Each structure stands twice: as C-alpha cells, then as structure tokens.
Amino acid sequence: QVQLVESGGGLVQAGGSLRLSCKASGRSFGSHVMAWFRQAPGKEREFVAAISRYGVTIYADSVKGRFTISRDNAKNTVYLQMNSLKPEDTAVYYCAAGYRSVVTTTEGEYDYWGQGTQVTVSS
C-alpha cells in the first residue's frame, strides 16, 4: 500500500515558477513509477510527466522544456518543477504511483493517487 500527499500548489503569475512535491508512505517507493497528472475545470484528467525507478522520464508535449520531474528515493518524494507557467497550466495536479518498471502515460496503469493540489496561473 502506498499513500501519496501532494504539496506546493498555489497562485502564480504567468511566466512564474512553482515546485510541487509528493511525499509517499510505504517501503516500496523505489519500486514504483511515479507520475504527475492534472485536471483542469471541465476537462478530463491528463498526463503531465512520469519517472521510472531508474530515472527515465517522459513528458506531455504541452510541458516539454518547461516542466521537470525528479525523485529522491531516500526521501520517498517525487517533485515537479514547473517553469514558464501559462494560464492553461491551471489545474488540480495529482501525484500517482504505479508498481511497474516502465514509464507509462496511461492513467489506468497507476495504482495509487494523491488528493491533488491546486495550481492557478494568472494572466
């Protein structure tokens, strides 16, 4: 069992930066692929970024070059550094964990989810 708690969301102006954190409980954190998804008002949840236990990363095209996912297995924490934020990045951001070795963008492949943290980017 893995429990996930996100933090770091907030209100920022366009062009600004935020760093989200996701703290995981459980001893098998290092065995999980970790990911970030987001859901904007009135839209379906969408993939943002993922990182494998080996540090392999993938990103949605909409955030490539602006967002960076990283993990610290010693701290059971995954991060999402978000730079050059745009109003269209406004959403609730969710952390997810999947007990697998290969990164995936598929929501259904993730077993555990956090409660989400709100990110609002003003224009």
N, C-alpha and C. Protein backbone atom coordinates (compact mmCIF):
# COMPACT_ATOMS: atom_id res chain seq x y z
N GLN A 1 0.84 -1.19 0.00
CA GLN A 1 0.00 0.00 0.00
C GLN A 1 0.88 1.24 0.00
N VAL A 2 0.52 2.23 -0.80
CA VAL A 2 1.26 3.48 -0.89
C VAL A 2 0.27 4.63 -0.72
N GLN A 3 0.60 5.56 0.16
CA GLN A 3 -0.20 6.77 0.31
C GLN A 3 0.61 7.95 -0.18
N LEU A 4 -0.06 8.85 -0.89
CA LEU A 4 0.61 9.97 -1.53
C LEU A 4 0.01 11.29 -1.06
N VAL A 5 0.87 12.24 -0.72
CA VAL A 5 0.41 13.55 -0.28
C VAL A 5 1.15 14.62 -1.06
N GLU A 6 0.40 15.41 -1.83
CA GLU A 6 0.99 16.48 -2.64
C GLU A 6 1.05 17.78 -1.85
N SER A 7 1.99 18.62 -2.22
CA SER A 7 2.09 19.97 -1.66
C SER A 7 2.79 20.87 -2.66
N GLY A 8 2.72 22.18 -2.41
CA GLY A 8 3.45 23.12 -3.25
C GLY A 8 2.61 23.90 -4.24
N GLY A 9 1.33 23.58 -4.33
CA GLY A 9 0.48 24.32 -5.25
C GLY A 9 0.24 25.74 -4.76
N GLY A 10 -0.38 26.54 -5.62
CA GLY A 10 -0.68 27.91 -5.25
C GLY A 10 -1.01 28.77 -6.44
N LEU A 11 -1.01 30.08 -6.20
CA LEU A 11 -1.32 31.06 -7.23
C LEU A 11 -0.02 31.72 -7.69
N VAL A 12 0.18 31.78 -9.00
CA VAL A 12 1.40 32.38 -9.56
C VAL A 12 1.04 33.11 -10.84
N GLN A 13 1.81 34.14 -11.15
CA GLN A 13 1.58 34.87 -12.39
C GLN A 13 2.19 34.12 -13.57
N ALA A 14 1.64 34.36 -14.73
CA ALA A 14 2.18 33.77 -15.95
C ALA A 14 3.66 34.09 -16.07
N GLY A 15 4.43 33.08 -16.46
CA GLY A 15 5.88 33.24 -16.54
C GLY A 15 6.61 32.84 -15.28
N GLY A 16 5.87 32.63 -14.21
CA GLY A 16 6.47 32.27 -12.94
C GLY A 16 6.74 30.79 -12.81
N SER A 17 7.17 30.39 -11.61
CA SER A 17 7.55 29.00 -11.35
C SER A 17 6.93 28.50 -10.05
N LEU A 18 6.73 27.21 -10.00
CA LEU A 18 6.31 26.52 -8.79
C LEU A 18 6.98 25.16 -8.77
N ARG A 19 7.19 24.63 -7.57
CA ARG A 19 7.68 23.26 -7.43
C ARG A 19 6.69 22.48 -6.57
N LEU A 20 6.15 21.44 -7.18
CA LEU A 20 5.25 20.53 -6.47
C LEU A 20 6.05 19.39 -5.87
N SER A 21 5.60 18.93 -4.71
CA SER A 21 6.21 17.77 -4.06
C SER A 21 5.14 16.74 -3.79
N CYS A 22 5.55 15.49 -3.78
CA CYS A 22 4.64 14.39 -3.47
C CYS A 22 5.39 13.43 -2.56
N LYS A 23 4.95 13.37 -1.33
CA LYS A 23 5.57 12.51 -0.33
C LYS A 23 4.81 11.19 -0.29
N ALA A 24 5.55 10.10 -0.40
CA ALA A 24 4.93 8.78 -0.40
C ALA A 24 5.24 8.04 0.89
N SER A 25 4.27 7.30 1.38
CA SER A 25 4.49 6.41 2.51
C SER A 25 4.64 5.00 1.97
N GLY A 26 5.24 4.13 2.74
CA GLY A 26 5.42 2.77 2.27
C GLY A 26 6.87 2.50 1.92
N ARG A 27 7.26 1.24 2.05
CA ARG A 27 8.67 0.88 1.88
C ARG A 27 9.06 0.61 0.44
N SER A 28 8.09 0.54 -0.46
CA SER A 28 8.41 0.13 -1.83
C SER A 28 8.42 1.30 -2.80
N PHE A 29 8.61 2.51 -2.27
CA PHE A 29 8.58 3.69 -3.14
C PHE A 29 9.54 3.54 -4.30
N GLY A 30 10.73 3.04 -4.03
CA GLY A 30 11.73 2.93 -5.07
C GLY A 30 11.37 1.97 -6.18
N SER A 31 10.38 1.12 -5.98
CA SER A 31 9.96 0.14 -6.99
C SER A 31 8.85 0.66 -7.89
N HIS A 32 8.38 1.86 -7.63
CA HIS A 32 7.24 2.40 -8.36
C HIS A 32 7.65 3.43 -9.39
N VAL A 33 6.95 3.40 -10.51
CA VAL A 33 6.97 4.53 -11.42
C VAL A 33 6.12 5.62 -10.78
N MET A 34 6.61 6.85 -10.80
CA MET A 34 5.88 7.99 -10.24
C MET A 34 5.50 8.95 -11.36
N ALA A 35 4.33 9.55 -11.22
CA ALA A 35 3.85 10.42 -12.29
C ALA A 35 3.05 11.58 -11.73
N TRP A 36 2.90 12.56 -12.58
CA TRP A 36 2.01 13.69 -12.30
C TRP A 36 0.97 13.76 -13.42
N PHE A 37 -0.28 13.93 -13.02
CA PHE A 37 -1.39 14.18 -13.93
C PHE A 37 -2.02 15.50 -13.51
N ARG A 38 -2.87 16.06 -14.35
CA ARG A 38 -3.59 17.28 -13.98
C ARG A 38 -4.98 17.26 -14.57
N GLN A 39 -5.87 17.99 -13.91
CA GLN A 39 -7.24 18.10 -14.39
C GLN A 39 -7.70 19.54 -14.27
N ALA A 40 -7.97 20.14 -15.42
CA ALA A 40 -8.48 21.50 -15.47
C ALA A 40 -10.00 21.47 -15.35
N PRO A 41 -10.61 22.58 -14.93
CA PRO A 41 -12.07 22.61 -14.80
C PRO A 41 -12.76 22.25 -16.11
N GLY A 42 -13.69 21.33 -16.04
CA GLY A 42 -14.46 20.93 -17.21
C GLY A 42 -13.74 20.03 -18.18
N LYS A 43 -12.53 19.59 -17.81
CA LYS A 43 -11.76 18.74 -18.71
C LYS A 43 -11.40 17.42 -18.03
N GLU A 44 -11.02 16.45 -18.84
CA GLU A 44 -10.60 15.17 -18.29
C GLU A 44 -9.17 15.29 -17.74
N ARG A 45 -8.88 14.38 -16.83
CA ARG A 45 -7.52 14.35 -16.28
C ARG A 45 -6.54 13.94 -17.38
N GLU A 46 -5.37 14.59 -17.40
CA GLU A 46 -4.40 14.31 -18.45
C GLU A 46 -3.02 14.09 -17.86
N PHE A 47 -2.23 13.33 -18.58
CA PHE A 47 -0.86 13.01 -18.18
C PHE A 47 0.02 14.26 -18.32
N VAL A 48 0.95 14.42 -17.35
CA VAL A 48 1.91 15.51 -17.39
C VAL A 48 3.34 14.99 -17.55
N ALA A 49 3.75 14.12 -16.60
CA ALA A 49 5.13 13.63 -16.61
C ALA A 49 5.22 12.38 -15.77
N ALA A 50 6.24 11.56 -16.05
CA ALA A 50 6.47 10.35 -15.26
C ALA A 50 7.96 10.07 -15.19
N ILE A 51 8.34 9.33 -14.13
CA ILE A 51 9.74 8.97 -13.94
C ILE A 51 9.82 7.56 -13.40
N SER A 52 10.72 6.77 -13.96
CA SER A 52 10.88 5.39 -13.51
C SER A 52 11.82 5.33 -12.31
N ARG A 53 11.95 4.13 -11.74
CA ARG A 53 12.87 3.97 -10.61
C ARG A 53 14.30 4.22 -11.03
N TYR A 54 14.57 4.10 -12.35
CA TYR A 54 15.93 4.31 -12.87
C TYR A 54 16.17 5.73 -13.34
N GLY A 55 15.14 6.58 -13.24
CA GLY A 55 15.30 7.97 -13.64
C GLY A 55 14.92 8.26 -15.08
N VAL A 56 14.34 7.28 -15.78
CA VAL A 56 13.86 7.53 -17.14
C VAL A 56 12.60 8.38 -17.05
N THR A 57 12.55 9.42 -17.87
CA THR A 57 11.42 10.36 -17.79
C THR A 57 10.70 10.48 -19.12
N ILE A 58 9.42 10.80 -19.05
CA ILE A 58 8.63 11.16 -20.22
C ILE A 58 7.74 12.33 -19.85
N TYR A 59 7.40 13.14 -20.86
CA TYR A 59 6.62 14.35 -20.64
C TYR A 59 5.54 14.48 -21.70
N ALA A 60 4.45 15.12 -21.32
CA ALA A 60 3.46 15.53 -22.30
C ALA A 60 4.08 16.63 -23.17
N ASP A 61 3.68 16.66 -24.43
CA ASP A 61 4.23 17.66 -25.34
C ASP A 61 3.98 19.08 -24.83
N SER A 62 2.87 19.28 -24.16
CA SER A 62 2.48 20.62 -23.73
C SER A 62 3.39 21.18 -22.64
N VAL A 63 4.17 20.33 -21.97
CA VAL A 63 5.02 20.79 -20.88
C VAL A 63 6.51 20.57 -21.14
N LYS A 64 6.85 19.91 -22.22
CA LYS A 64 8.27 19.67 -22.53
C LYS A 64 9.05 20.96 -22.59
N GLY A 65 10.21 20.94 -21.94
CA GLY A 65 11.07 22.12 -21.93
C GLY A 65 10.72 23.12 -20.84
N ARG A 66 9.57 22.93 -20.20
CA ARG A 66 9.15 23.85 -19.12
C ARG A 66 9.08 23.15 -17.77
N PHE A 67 8.66 21.90 -17.75
CA PHE A 67 8.50 21.14 -16.52
C PHE A 67 9.60 20.08 -16.41
N THR A 68 10.00 19.79 -15.17
CA THR A 68 10.99 18.75 -14.91
C THR A 68 10.53 17.89 -13.74
N ILE A 69 10.45 16.59 -13.98
CA ILE A 69 10.10 15.66 -12.91
C ILE A 69 11.39 15.04 -12.37
N SER A 70 11.44 14.85 -11.05
CA SER A 70 12.60 14.22 -10.43
C SER A 70 12.13 13.48 -9.20
N ARG A 71 13.00 12.63 -8.67
CA ARG A 71 12.64 11.87 -7.48
C ARG A 71 13.84 11.71 -6.58
N ASP A 72 13.55 11.62 -5.29
CA ASP A 72 14.56 11.36 -4.27
C ASP A 72 14.09 10.13 -3.52
N ASN A 73 14.63 8.97 -3.87
CA ASN A 73 14.17 7.72 -3.27
C ASN A 73 14.47 7.66 -1.78
N ALA A 74 15.52 8.33 -1.34
CA ALA A 74 15.86 8.33 0.08
C ALA A 74 14.81 9.08 0.90
N LYS A 75 14.14 10.04 0.25
CA LYS A 75 13.11 10.83 0.94
C LYS A 75 11.70 10.42 0.55
N ASN A 76 11.59 9.37 -0.27
CA ASN A 76 10.26 8.91 -0.73
C ASN A 76 9.46 10.06 -1.34
N THR A 77 10.11 10.87 -2.12
CA THR A 77 9.47 12.07 -2.64
C THR A 77 9.73 12.23 -4.13
N VAL A 78 8.70 12.65 -4.84
CA VAL A 78 8.83 13.00 -6.24
C VAL A 78 8.47 14.48 -6.39
N TYR A 79 9.14 15.14 -7.31
CA TYR A 79 8.96 16.58 -7.50
C TYR A 79 8.54 16.89 -8.93
N LEU A 80 7.88 18.03 -9.08
CA LEU A 80 7.60 18.56 -10.40
C LEU A 80 7.96 20.04 -10.39
N GLN A 81 9.07 20.38 -11.03
CA GLN A 81 9.48 21.76 -11.16
C GLN A 81 8.80 22.34 -12.40
N MET A 82 8.03 23.39 -12.19
CA MET A 82 7.25 23.98 -13.28
C MET A 82 7.73 25.41 -13.52
N ASN A 83 8.29 25.64 -14.69
CA ASN A 83 8.79 26.96 -15.06
C ASN A 83 7.99 27.52 -16.23
N SER A 84 8.12 28.82 -16.45
CA SER A 84 7.42 29.47 -17.57
C SER A 84 5.95 29.10 -17.60
N LEU A 85 5.31 29.19 -16.47
CA LEU A 85 3.92 28.76 -16.35
C LEU A 85 3.00 29.63 -17.19
N LYS A 86 1.96 28.98 -17.71
CA LYS A 86 0.97 29.64 -18.56
C LYS A 86 -0.40 29.50 -17.92
N PRO A 87 -1.34 30.38 -18.25
CA PRO A 87 -2.70 30.23 -17.69
C PRO A 87 -3.31 28.87 -17.99
N GLU A 88 -2.98 28.29 -19.12
CA GLU A 88 -3.52 26.97 -19.47
C GLU A 88 -2.95 25.84 -18.63
N ASP A 89 -1.95 26.13 -17.79
CA ASP A 89 -1.44 25.13 -16.84
C ASP A 89 -2.30 25.07 -15.58
N THR A 90 -3.25 25.97 -15.45
CA THR A 90 -4.13 25.98 -14.29
C THR A 90 -4.92 24.67 -14.20
N ALA A 91 -4.81 24.00 -13.06
CA ALA A 91 -5.44 22.69 -12.89
C ALA A 91 -5.18 22.20 -11.48
N VAL A 92 -5.87 21.13 -11.12
CA VAL A 92 -5.50 20.36 -9.94
C VAL A 92 -4.48 19.33 -10.39
N TYR A 93 -3.35 19.29 -9.72
CA TYR A 93 -2.26 18.39 -10.07
C TYR A 93 -2.26 17.20 -9.11
N TYR A 94 -2.23 16.01 -9.69
CA TYR A 94 -2.28 14.77 -8.92
C TYR A 94 -0.98 13.99 -9.08
N CYS A 95 -0.52 13.45 -7.98
CA CYS A 95 0.61 12.54 -7.97
C CYS A 95 0.06 11.11 -8.07
N ALA A 96 0.78 10.25 -8.79
CA ALA A 96 0.34 8.87 -8.95
C ALA A 96 1.54 7.94 -8.88
N ALA A 97 1.28 6.71 -8.42
CA ALA A 97 2.33 5.70 -8.32
C ALA A 97 1.85 4.40 -8.96
N GLY A 98 2.74 3.80 -9.73
CA GLY A 98 2.41 2.53 -10.37
C GLY A 98 3.50 1.51 -10.10
N TYR A 99 3.09 0.31 -9.67
CA TYR A 99 4.08 -0.73 -9.35
C TYR A 99 4.49 -1.40 -10.65
N ARG A 100 5.43 -0.78 -11.35
CA ARG A 100 5.90 -1.24 -12.65
C ARG A 100 7.29 -0.66 -12.85
N SER A 101 7.98 -1.18 -13.86
CA SER A 101 9.34 -0.71 -14.09
C SER A 101 9.44 0.23 -15.27
N VAL A 102 8.41 0.25 -16.13
CA VAL A 102 8.47 1.05 -17.35
C VAL A 102 7.50 2.23 -17.22
N VAL A 103 7.96 3.41 -17.58
CA VAL A 103 7.08 4.57 -17.51
C VAL A 103 5.93 4.43 -18.49
N THR A 104 4.80 5.02 -18.15
CA THR A 104 3.63 4.99 -19.00
C THR A 104 2.84 6.27 -18.82
N THR A 105 2.11 6.65 -19.88
CA THR A 105 1.25 7.83 -19.81
C THR A 105 -0.19 7.45 -19.49
N THR A 106 -0.46 6.15 -19.38
CA THR A 106 -1.82 5.65 -19.24
C THR A 106 -2.29 5.73 -17.80
N GLU A 107 -3.35 6.47 -17.58
CA GLU A 107 -3.87 6.68 -16.22
C GLU A 107 -4.20 5.37 -15.52
N GLY A 108 -4.77 4.42 -16.25
CA GLY A 108 -5.19 3.16 -15.65
C GLY A 108 -4.06 2.27 -15.18
N GLU A 109 -2.84 2.59 -15.57
CA GLU A 109 -1.68 1.79 -15.16
C GLU A 109 -1.13 2.21 -13.80
N TYR A 110 -1.70 3.24 -13.22
CA TYR A 110 -1.24 3.73 -11.92
C TYR A 110 -2.18 3.22 -10.83
N ASP A 111 -1.60 2.76 -9.75
CA ASP A 111 -2.35 2.08 -8.70
C ASP A 111 -2.78 2.99 -7.56
N TYR A 112 -2.01 4.01 -7.31
CA TYR A 112 -2.25 4.87 -6.15
C TYR A 112 -2.25 6.34 -6.58
N TRP A 113 -3.11 7.11 -5.91
CA TRP A 113 -3.29 8.52 -6.27
C TRP A 113 -3.34 9.38 -5.02
N GLY A 114 -2.79 10.60 -5.14
CA GLY A 114 -2.95 11.57 -4.08
C GLY A 114 -4.24 12.34 -4.23
N GLN A 115 -4.48 13.26 -3.30
CA GLN A 115 -5.72 14.03 -3.29
C GLN A 115 -5.66 15.23 -4.23
N GLY A 116 -4.48 15.62 -4.63
CA GLY A 116 -4.35 16.72 -5.57
C GLY A 116 -3.99 18.03 -4.90
N THR A 117 -3.35 18.90 -5.66
CA THR A 117 -3.01 20.23 -5.19
C THR A 117 -3.32 21.22 -6.32
N GLN A 118 -3.94 22.34 -5.95
CA GLN A 118 -4.40 23.31 -6.94
C GLN A 118 -3.25 24.21 -7.38
N VAL A 119 -3.13 24.35 -8.69
CA VAL A 119 -2.20 25.31 -9.28
C VAL A 119 -3.01 26.28 -10.12
N THR A 120 -2.87 27.57 -9.84
CA THR A 120 -3.59 28.59 -10.59
C THR A 120 -2.59 29.59 -11.15
N VAL A 121 -2.63 29.79 -12.46
CA VAL A 121 -1.71 30.71 -13.13
C VAL A 121 -2.53 31.87 -13.68
N SER A 122 -2.26 33.05 -13.19
CA SER A 122 -3.00 34.24 -13.63
C SER A 122 -2.28 34.91 -14.81
N SER A 123 -3.08 35.52 -15.68
CA SER A 123 -2.51 36.15 -16.88
C SER A 123 -2.15 37.60 -16.61
